[in-house]
Protein backbone atom coordinates (compact mmCIF):
# COMPACT_ATOMS: atom_id res chain seq x y z
CA GLY A 1 0.00 0.00 0.00
CA LYS A 2 0.91 3.67 0.27
CA LEU A 3 1.79 5.87 3.23
CA THR A 4 0.62 9.50 2.94
CA ALA A 5 1.39 12.57 5.06
CA ARG A 6 -1.01 15.52 4.96
CA SER A 7 -0.90 18.98 6.51
CA LEU A 8 -3.14 19.61 9.52
CA TYR A 9 -3.50 23.23 8.43
CA ASN A 10 -4.82 22.86 4.89
CA GLY A 11 -5.19 19.12 4.24
CA GLN A 12 -2.70 19.15 1.38
CA THR A 13 -0.53 16.13 0.73
CA LEU A 14 3.04 16.66 1.99
CA TRP A 15 4.43 13.40 0.64
CA GLN A 16 3.34 9.95 -0.42
CA ARG A 17 5.39 6.79 -0.74
CA ASP A 18 4.95 3.14 -1.55
CA MET A 19 5.40 0.65 1.27
CA PRO A 20 7.09 -2.43 -0.24
CA GLU A 21 7.56 -3.92 3.22
CA LYS A 22 4.86 -6.32 4.35
CA LEU A 23 2.68 -4.83 7.09
CA GLU A 24 0.27 -6.58 9.41
CA PRO A 25 -2.91 -7.03 7.30
CA ASP A 26 -5.86 -4.85 8.32
CA THR A 27 -4.18 -3.78 11.58
CA PRO A 28 -1.51 -1.14 10.92
CA ILE A 29 0.34 -0.51 14.20
CA CYS A 30 1.95 2.91 14.31
CA VAL A 31 3.14 5.67 16.65
CA LEU A 32 4.89 8.94 15.88
CA ASP A 33 6.70 11.82 17.48
CA ALA A 34 7.61 15.24 16.07
CA GLU A 35 10.29 13.82 13.78
CA ARG A 36 9.64 10.14 13.06
CA ILE A 37 6.96 7.58 12.24
CA TYR A 38 7.31 4.13 13.82
CA LEU A 39 5.42 1.41 11.93
CA ALA A 40 5.32 -2.29 12.86
CA ALA A 41 6.40 -4.72 10.13
CA GLY A 42 4.17 -7.73 9.44
CA ASP A 43 6.82 -10.24 8.38
CA SER A 44 9.25 -9.91 11.29
CA CYS A 45 9.60 -8.41 14.76
CA ARG A 46 10.82 -5.07 13.41
CA VAL A 47 9.69 -1.47 13.69
CA LEU A 48 10.14 0.53 10.50
CA VAL A 49 11.32 4.10 11.13
CA ILE A 50 10.38 6.83 8.65
CA ASP A 51 11.37 10.50 8.58
CA ALA A 52 8.13 12.44 9.20
CA GLU A 53 9.20 15.47 7.16
CA THR A 54 10.42 13.71 4.02
CA GLY A 55 8.99 10.17 4.16
CA GLY A 56 12.48 8.71 3.82
CA ASP A 57 13.56 5.46 5.46
CA LEU A 58 15.70 5.49 8.60
CA ALA A 59 17.31 2.53 10.36
CA SER A 60 14.68 0.03 11.53
CA ILE A 61 14.53 -1.40 15.06
CA THR A 62 14.55 -5.16 15.69
CA LEU A 63 12.75 -6.06 18.91
CA GLY A 64 12.74 -9.87 18.79
CA ASP A 65 13.14 -13.05 16.80
CA ASP A 66 11.06 -13.87 13.75
CA ASP A 67 8.74 -16.13 15.74
CA VAL A 68 7.04 -13.08 17.33
CA ARG A 69 5.39 -9.92 15.99
CA VAL A 70 4.70 -6.42 17.31
CA LYS A 71 1.12 -6.21 18.65
CA TRP A 72 1.16 -2.68 20.10
CA LEU A 73 3.43 0.38 20.22
CA GLY A 74 3.61 3.30 22.64
CA ILE A 75 6.06 6.18 22.82
CA GLU A 76 6.96 8.53 25.67
CA ASP A 77 9.99 10.69 26.50
CA GLY A 78 12.33 9.09 23.98
CA ARG A 79 11.32 5.54 24.87
CA LEU A 80 9.54 3.17 22.51
CA HIS A 81 7.36 0.57 24.24
CA ALA A 82 6.15 -2.53 22.43
CA LEU A 83 3.96 -5.56 23.14
CA LEU A 84 5.14 -8.72 21.38
CA GLY A 85 3.31 -11.96 20.64
CA PRO A 86 3.10 -14.85 18.16
CA PRO A 87 2.12 -14.26 14.52
CA LEU A 88 -1.57 -15.05 14.17
CA PRO A 89 -4.06 -14.60 11.32
CA VAL A 90 -6.17 -11.45 11.31
CA ARG A 91 -8.94 -12.96 9.22
CA ALA A 92 -9.85 -16.13 7.37
CA PRO A 93 -8.45 -16.50 3.82
CA ARG A 94 -10.53 -14.71 1.17
CA SER A 95 -12.92 -13.36 3.82
CA TYR A 96 -13.14 -9.62 4.42
CA MET A 97 -16.12 -9.47 6.77
CA MET A 98 -15.48 -8.48 10.40
CA GLY A 99 -18.17 -10.78 11.79
CA GLY A 100 -18.79 -14.52 11.63
CA THR A 101 -15.66 -16.67 11.57
CA ASN A 102 -13.42 -13.63 11.63
CA ARG A 103 -14.78 -12.36 14.93
CA GLN A 104 -13.00 -15.03 16.98
CA ILE A 105 -9.88 -14.84 14.80
CA ARG A 106 -9.58 -11.12 15.45
CA MET A 107 -10.21 -11.55 19.18
CA ASN A 108 -7.45 -14.17 19.38
CA GLN A 109 -5.05 -11.88 17.52
CA ALA A 110 -5.79 -8.93 19.83
CA ALA A 111 -5.28 -10.89 23.06
CA ALA A 112 -2.04 -12.66 22.14
CA GLY A 113 0.80 -10.57 23.58
CA ARG A 114 3.07 -11.91 26.31
CA THR A 115 6.21 -9.76 26.22
CA LEU A 116 6.69 -6.05 26.92
CA VAL A 117 9.83 -4.30 25.69
CA ALA A 118 11.16 -0.78 26.30
CA TRP A 119 13.68 0.69 23.83
CA ASP A 120 15.87 3.78 24.26
CA LEU A 121 15.56 5.61 20.94
CA ALA A 122 18.54 7.96 21.45
CA ALA A 123 20.93 5.20 22.54
CA ASN A 124 19.33 2.65 20.15
CA ARG A 125 19.29 -0.11 22.74
CA GLN A 126 16.89 -2.22 24.75
CA LEU A 127 16.19 -0.93 28.26
CA TRP A 128 14.25 -3.90 29.60
CA ARG A 129 12.08 -6.88 28.66
CA HIS A 130 9.21 -8.29 30.73
CA GLU A 131 7.50 -11.67 30.19
CA GLU A 132 3.97 -12.61 31.33
CA SER A 133 2.63 -16.15 31.64
CA ALA A 134 -0.92 -15.07 30.72
CA THR A 135 -1.75 -13.20 27.52
CA ILE A 136 -2.08 -9.42 27.29
CA ASP A 137 -4.65 -7.77 25.05
CA TYR A 138 -3.04 -4.87 23.16
CA ARG A 139 -5.99 -2.72 24.26
CA THR A 140 -5.17 -3.27 27.95
CA VAL A 141 -1.62 -1.93 28.12
CA ALA A 142 -0.55 1.71 28.60
CA VAL A 143 2.44 3.87 29.54
CA ARG A 144 2.53 7.13 31.51
CA GLY A 145 5.29 8.86 33.46
CA GLY A 146 7.79 6.15 32.51
CA ARG A 147 5.62 3.45 34.07
CA SER A 148 3.97 0.62 32.14
CA TYR A 149 0.54 -0.69 33.11
CA LEU A 150 -0.89 -3.99 31.92
CA TYR A 151 -3.77 -6.36 32.44
CA SER A 152 -2.90 -10.09 32.20
CA GLU A 153 -5.91 -12.03 30.96
CA GLY A 154 -7.88 -13.37 33.92
CA THR A 155 -4.83 -12.95 36.17
CA GLY A 156 -4.55 -9.37 37.32
CA LEU A 157 -3.44 -5.79 36.87
CA ALA A 158 0.24 -4.83 37.21
CA CYS A 159 2.56 -1.83 37.01
CA LEU A 160 6.23 -1.79 35.95
CA SER A 161 8.76 0.88 36.89
CA PRO A 162 10.76 2.87 34.28
CA ASP A 163 13.50 0.22 34.57
CA GLY A 164 11.04 -2.65 34.05
CA LYS A 165 10.79 -3.82 37.68
CA LEU A 166 7.44 -4.83 39.15
CA LEU A 167 6.04 -2.03 41.32
CA TRP A 168 2.70 -3.56 42.24
CA GLU A 169 0.16 -6.24 41.29
CA ASN A 170 -3.54 -6.67 42.04
CA HIS A 171 -4.91 -10.22 41.70
CA ASP A 172 -8.06 -9.78 43.81
CA ASP A 173 -10.84 -12.12 42.64
CA SER A 174 -13.51 -9.67 43.83
CA TRP A 175 -12.96 -7.49 40.75
CA LEU A 176 -11.35 -10.03 38.39
CA LYS A 177 -14.54 -12.10 38.22
CA THR A 178 -16.52 -9.05 37.05
CA LEU A 179 -14.42 -8.71 33.87
CA LYS A 180 -16.12 -11.17 31.53
CA ARG A 181 -15.36 -10.77 27.85
CA PRO A 182 -18.51 -10.27 25.76
CA VAL A 183 -19.24 -12.67 22.91
CA ARG A 184 -18.95 -9.80 20.45
CA ILE A 185 -18.16 -6.08 20.42
CA GLN A 186 -21.32 -4.14 19.70
CA ASN A 187 -19.65 -1.52 17.51
CA GLY A 188 -16.83 -3.14 15.51
CA ASN A 189 -15.69 0.29 14.32
CA TYR A 190 -13.96 0.95 17.63
CA GLU A 191 -12.91 -2.58 18.47
CA SER A 192 -9.26 -1.47 18.61
CA THR A 193 -9.83 1.39 21.06
CA SER A 194 -7.79 1.13 24.25
CA THR A 195 -9.74 0.08 27.34
CA LEU A 196 -6.96 0.82 29.85
CA ILE A 197 -6.39 4.55 30.31
CA VAL A 198 -4.15 6.26 32.87
CA GLY A 199 -4.99 9.73 34.13
CA PRO A 200 -2.59 12.51 35.17
CA SER A 201 -3.57 12.60 38.84
CA GLY A 202 -2.95 9.00 39.87
CA GLN A 203 -5.96 6.99 38.66
CA LEU A 204 -6.45 4.45 35.89
CA ARG A 205 -9.53 2.95 34.29
CA LEU A 206 -9.64 -0.70 33.27
CA SER A 207 -12.30 -2.42 31.21
CA LEU A 208 -12.33 -5.08 28.49
CA PRO A 209 -13.15 -4.46 24.82
CA GLY A 210 -16.90 -4.52 24.33
CA LEU A 211 -17.75 -3.85 27.99
CA GLU A 212 -19.29 -0.53 28.94
CA ASP A 213 -18.61 -0.69 32.67
CA GLY A 214 -15.11 -0.36 34.09
CA LEU A 215 -13.05 -0.16 37.27
CA ILE A 216 -11.06 2.81 38.59
CA PHE A 217 -7.78 1.97 40.37
CA ASN A 218 -5.12 3.92 42.21
CA ALA A 219 -2.26 4.04 39.70
CA ASP A 220 0.35 4.34 42.47
CA ASN A 221 -0.50 1.13 44.36
CA GLY A 222 -3.15 -0.75 42.32
CA ARG A 223 -5.92 -0.42 44.92
CA LEU A 224 -9.48 -0.49 43.56
CA LEU A 225 -11.12 2.91 44.16
CA TRP A 226 -14.61 2.71 42.66
CA ASN A 227 -16.77 0.97 40.04
CA ASP A 228 -17.47 2.92 36.89
CA THR A 229 -20.88 2.20 35.35
CA VAL A 230 -20.73 4.58 32.37
CA ARG A 231 -19.82 3.90 28.72
CA GLY A 232 -16.09 3.30 28.28
CA PRO A 233 -15.22 4.87 24.90
CA LYS A 234 -16.89 8.09 26.04
CA CYS A 235 -14.77 8.51 29.20
CA PHE A 236 -11.41 10.19 29.85
CA PHE A 237 -9.34 11.89 32.57
CA VAL A 238 -8.45 15.60 32.66
CA GLY A 239 -6.45 16.63 35.72
CA ASP A 240 -8.26 15.29 38.77
CA ARG A 241 -11.58 15.11 36.90
CA TYR A 242 -13.21 12.20 35.09
CA PHE A 243 -15.42 13.10 32.11
CA SER A 244 -18.25 10.67 31.30
CA PRO A 245 -21.72 10.55 29.68
CA GLN A 246 -23.10 11.02 33.20
CA GLY A 247 -21.20 14.29 33.60
CA ILE A 248 -17.94 15.28 35.26
CA LEU A 249 -16.88 13.17 38.25
CA GLU A 250 -14.12 13.37 40.81
CA ALA A 251 -11.48 10.97 39.48
CA SER A 252 -10.48 9.49 42.85
CA THR A 253 -13.98 8.84 44.21
CA GLY A 254 -16.53 9.01 41.38
CA THR A 255 -18.38 11.82 43.17
CA PRO A 256 -20.44 13.92 40.69
CA ILE A 257 -19.19 17.46 40.10
CA SER A 258 -21.14 18.67 37.06
CA PRO A 259 -23.95 17.12 34.98
CA SER A 260 -22.41 18.12 31.64
CA GLY A 261 -18.96 17.84 30.16
CA LYS A 262 -19.46 16.99 26.48
CA PHE A 263 -20.14 18.77 23.20
CA GLY A 264 -21.19 16.96 20.04
CA GLY A 265 -22.48 13.42 19.74
CA GLY A 266 -22.01 10.10 17.99
CA CYS A 267 -21.62 6.47 18.97
CA GLY A 268 -17.80 6.43 19.13
CA VAL A 269 -15.07 7.90 21.31
CA VAL A 270 -15.06 11.33 22.94
CA THR A 271 -11.82 13.32 23.11
CA TRP A 272 -10.70 16.34 25.14
CA VAL A 273 -10.30 19.65 23.30
CA PRO A 274 -8.55 22.40 25.32
CA GLY A 275 -10.19 25.26 23.40
CA LEU A 276 -13.63 23.94 24.28
CA GLU A 277 -12.71 22.97 27.83
CA LYS A 278 -14.86 19.86 27.44
CA GLY A 279 -15.05 16.59 25.59
CA LEU A 280 -15.93 16.55 21.92
CA GLY A 281 -17.94 13.78 20.29
CA HIS A 282 -16.73 12.40 16.99
CA VAL A 283 -19.86 13.84 15.31
CA ALA A 284 -19.99 17.65 15.42
CA LEU A 285 -20.03 20.77 13.25
CA GLY A 286 -21.61 18.89 10.36
CA VAL A 287 -18.73 16.43 9.97
CA LYS A 288 -17.87 13.00 11.37
CA SER A 289 -14.64 11.23 12.31
CA PRO A 290 -14.45 7.43 12.50
CA CYS A 291 -16.05 5.94 15.63
CA GLY A 292 -12.72 4.62 16.89
CA VAL A 293 -10.67 7.75 16.18
CA GLY A 294 -12.71 10.77 17.16
CA ALA A 295 -11.75 14.40 16.63
CA PHE A 296 -8.41 15.65 17.91
CA ALA A 297 -6.67 18.99 18.47
CA ALA A 298 -3.12 19.39 17.15
CA GLY A 299 -1.07 22.38 15.98
CA GLY A 300 -3.87 24.80 16.85
CA THR A 301 -6.31 22.95 14.58
CA LEU A 302 -9.30 20.80 15.45
CA VAL A 303 -9.11 17.86 13.03
CA PHE A 304 -11.79 15.43 11.86
CA SER A 305 -10.52 12.41 9.91
CA PRO A 306 -12.44 10.85 6.99
CA SER A 307 -14.95 8.27 8.18
CA GLN A 308 -15.84 4.93 6.66
CA CYS A 309 -19.45 5.34 7.85
CA ASP A 310 -22.16 6.61 5.51
CA CYS A 311 -24.36 8.05 8.29
CA TRP A 312 -26.57 10.85 6.95
CA PRO A 313 -26.32 13.89 6.79
CA TYR A 314 -22.65 14.49 7.63
CA LEU A 315 -20.17 15.84 5.12
CA ARG A 316 -17.65 13.39 3.67
CA GLY A 317 -13.89 13.66 3.96
CA ALA A 318 -11.48 15.33 6.36
CA ALA A 319 -12.11 18.72 7.99
CA GLY A 320 -10.13 21.16 10.11
CA PHE A 321 -11.27 24.07 12.29
CA SER A 322 -9.03 26.84 13.61
CA SER A 323 -9.32 28.70 16.90
CA GLY A 324 -11.20 31.50 15.11
CA GLY A 325 -13.94 29.18 13.85
CA ASP A 326 -17.36 28.38 15.23
CA VAL A 327 -16.11 25.46 17.29
CA PHE A 328 -14.48 27.77 19.86
CA ARG A 329 -17.42 30.19 20.08
CA ARG A 330 -20.26 27.83 20.85
């Protein structure tokens, strides 16, 4: 396929290049910083590195042997974090539907990681490697403040220090037994959305893909704080506040603060927009981003990505709004 870079300011194409390397079918795994794009290869345990300004190739990063693949990537403060697991099919041969036989194939692929790796990008070396006996779903791993957080399937929640050492674990059956994977995800368009999110004031939210309810834990020690009974993709942390469809809550206790904290609608994720000082639905201002992507603010521009949905009456294609537009005056 092709890799294309477009300007956030005017939508124009900056560069486009062919990708001769084999990528993971249907599940491109990518992170980027201000200067580089990191893209997981599909035929080996490598991360392709591409210059963000020119689209040129830089030296790739090998994270493991050829019997494993990259399942997830995260980047923070010059450190690349990766979840590794066995190569598994994404879909049945000659079948492009997301449901039916492919549903279980995709679920198995998502929940197949067992190894976490941290890589120093400046020194170009591995910092640490952590192995789990139970599988890790790529949607239930996160990094913040140098720490790595992960949920081991049916086993527990854990936190690793910046040097890869175990800081805490929580294996309490009282909450583990409440996390039952649903037979199917209701909205397949956001089946790859993360269900483990870590807030800036010491709390994290854990759920499983397809579940609406979640659990709020203390990120410093793993203690369960409160049960969250609001819809997962529409929730996020801002400071010591927790924004949800039920309004703004106190992040550490779940105590209601305000009945409203959202602008715009839609069935997918809600994202925080500083200029609005509230969450923004992925359907707003006459346009619509994909359910699993949402709108996002970057470079002073509020960006809506093209959506695969044909929901009436929203305009097709990408859209951008500046700070002088209607979005910041409503």
